[in-house]
Amino acid sequence: MSFQLYLASRSPRRAEFLSALGLRYALVDGDVVEQPRPGQSPADYAQETAIAKARAGAGIDASNWARVTARLP
């Protein structure tokens, strides 16, 4: 079974971690705003951000069209 792994994070540490594991992945820029709403719990913020990034990466939400910006070994 073949699959493509997408990284919707600008974190150099996450990219480094995947590379150290020998995983091939594509960086995806979905322009997701990472700002918690006033009074939002950390758990709700994390879940909301993860869903927004997943949608952006999949191109589900037209306001968050993602584009693959790089392919790394």
C-alpha atoms as a PDB file:
ATOM      1  CA  MET A   1       0.000   0.000   0.000  1.00  0.00           C
ATOM      2  CA  SER A   2       1.315   3.419  -0.951  1.00  0.00           C
ATOM      3  CA  PHE A   3       0.377   6.723   0.614  1.00  0.00           C
ATOM      4  CA  GLN A   4       1.557  10.315   0.687  1.00  0.00           C
ATOM      5  CA  LEU A   5       2.339  11.984   3.980  1.00  0.00           C
ATOM      6  CA  TYR A   6       1.720  15.725   4.209  1.00  0.00           C
ATOM      7  CA  LEU A   7       3.162  18.014   6.870  1.00  0.00           C
ATOM      8  CA  ALA A   8       0.960  21.070   7.481  1.00  0.00           C
ATOM      9  CA  SER A   9       3.361  22.653   9.942  1.00  0.00           C
ATOM     10  CA  ARG A  10       6.088  25.256   9.658  1.00  0.00           C
ATOM     11  CA  SER A  11       7.901  23.691  12.614  1.00  0.00           C
ATOM     12  CA  PRO A  12      11.484  22.771  11.680  1.00  0.00           C
ATOM     13  CA  ARG A  13      11.483  20.255  14.528  1.00  0.00           C
ATOM     14  CA  ARG A  14       8.547  18.313  13.071  1.00  0.00           C
ATOM     15  CA  ALA A  15      10.243  18.199   9.664  1.00  0.00           C
ATOM     16  CA  GLU A  16      13.474  17.063  11.302  1.00  0.00           C
ATOM     17  CA  PHE A  17      11.618  14.346  13.214  1.00  0.00           C
ATOM     18  CA  LEU A  18       9.969  12.920  10.085  1.00  0.00           C
ATOM     19  CA  SER A  19      13.265  13.008   8.182  1.00  0.00           C
ATOM     20  CA  ALA A  20      15.050  11.243  11.053  1.00  0.00           C
ATOM     21  CA  LEU A  21      12.444   8.492  10.790  1.00  0.00           C
ATOM     22  CA  GLY A  22      13.231   8.181   7.091  1.00  0.00           C
ATOM     23  CA  LEU A  23       9.732   9.220   6.058  1.00  0.00           C
ATOM     24  CA  ARG A  24       9.088  11.005   2.786  1.00  0.00           C
ATOM     25  CA  TYR A  25       6.633  13.855   3.028  1.00  0.00           C
ATOM     26  CA  ALA A  26       5.447  17.012   1.339  1.00  0.00           C
ATOM     27  CA  LEU A  27       5.186  20.355   3.082  1.00  0.00           C
ATOM     28  CA  VAL A  28       1.752  21.908   2.717  1.00  0.00           C
ATOM     29  CA  ASP A  29       1.045  25.591   3.263  1.00  0.00           C
ATOM     30  CA  GLY A  30      -2.609  26.055   4.098  1.00  0.00           C
ATOM     31  CA  ASP A  31      -2.382  29.569   5.527  1.00  0.00           C
ATOM     32  CA  VAL A  32      -4.175  28.510   8.710  1.00  0.00           C
ATOM     33  CA  VAL A  33      -4.348  31.211  11.360  1.00  0.00           C
ATOM     34  CA  GLU A  34      -2.928  29.808  14.581  1.00  0.00           C
ATOM     35  CA  GLN A  35      -4.412  32.138  17.167  1.00  0.00           C
ATOM     36  CA  PRO A  36      -6.614  30.918  20.012  1.00  0.00           C
ATOM     37  CA  ARG A  37      -9.901  32.709  20.555  1.00  0.00           C
ATOM     38  CA  PRO A  38     -10.321  34.529  23.893  1.00  0.00           C
ATOM     39  CA  GLY A  39     -11.324  32.019  26.560  1.00  0.00           C
ATOM     40  CA  GLN A  40     -10.774  29.009  24.289  1.00  0.00           C
ATOM     41  CA  SER A  41      -9.394  25.973  26.106  1.00  0.00           C
ATOM     42  CA  PRO A  42      -6.021  24.580  24.963  1.00  0.00           C
ATOM     43  CA  ALA A  43      -7.694  21.291  23.988  1.00  0.00           C
ATOM     44  CA  ASP A  44     -10.329  23.041  21.861  1.00  0.00           C
ATOM     45  CA  TYR A  45      -7.674  25.241  20.265  1.00  0.00           C
ATOM     46  CA  ALA A  46      -5.495  22.226  19.397  1.00  0.00           C
ATOM     47  CA  GLN A  47      -8.430  20.313  17.938  1.00  0.00           C
ATOM     48  CA  GLU A  48      -9.708  23.293  15.938  1.00  0.00           C
ATOM     49  CA  THR A  49      -6.254  24.029  14.541  1.00  0.00           C
ATOM     50  CA  ALA A  50      -5.637  20.379  13.610  1.00  0.00           C
ATOM     51  CA  ILE A  51      -8.962  20.183  11.774  1.00  0.00           C
ATOM     52  CA  ALA A  52      -8.313  23.463   9.936  1.00  0.00           C
ATOM     53  CA  LYS A  53      -4.881  22.237   8.832  1.00  0.00           C
ATOM     54  CA  ALA A  54      -6.290  18.895   7.681  1.00  0.00           C
ATOM     55  CA  ARG A  55      -9.005  20.647   5.674  1.00  0.00           C
ATOM     56  CA  ALA A  56      -6.496  23.050   4.187  1.00  0.00           C
ATOM     57  CA  GLY A  57      -4.183  20.213   3.245  1.00  0.00           C
ATOM     58  CA  ALA A  58      -6.999  18.295   1.607  1.00  0.00           C
ATOM     59  CA  GLY A  59      -8.341  21.383  -0.147  1.00  0.00           C
ATOM     60  CA  ILE A  60     -11.754  20.946   1.472  1.00  0.00           C
ATOM     61  CA  ASP A  61     -12.297  24.581   2.418  1.00  0.00           C
ATOM     62  CA  ALA A  62     -11.921  26.955  -0.536  1.00  0.00           C
ATOM     63  CA  SER A  63     -10.766  29.740   1.796  1.00  0.00           C
ATOM     64  CA  ASN A  64      -7.806  27.581   2.865  1.00  0.00           C
ATOM     65  CA  TRP A  65      -6.565  26.106  -0.408  1.00  0.00           C
ATOM     66  CA  ALA A  66      -3.327  24.306   0.290  1.00  0.00           C
ATOM     67  CA  ARG A  67      -0.379  24.063  -2.017  1.00  0.00           C
ATOM     68  CA  VAL A  68       2.535  21.709  -1.842  1.00  0.00           C
ATOM     69  CA  THR A  69       5.629  23.841  -1.433  1.00  0.00           C
ATOM     70  CA  ALA A  70       8.406  21.267  -1.233  1.00  0.00           C
ATOM     71  CA  ARG A  71       9.176  17.572  -1.367  1.00  0.00           C
ATOM     72  CA  LEU A  72      11.806  16.330   1.018  1.00  0.00           C
ATOM     73  CA  PRO A  73      13.465  12.919   1.296  1.00  0.00           C
END
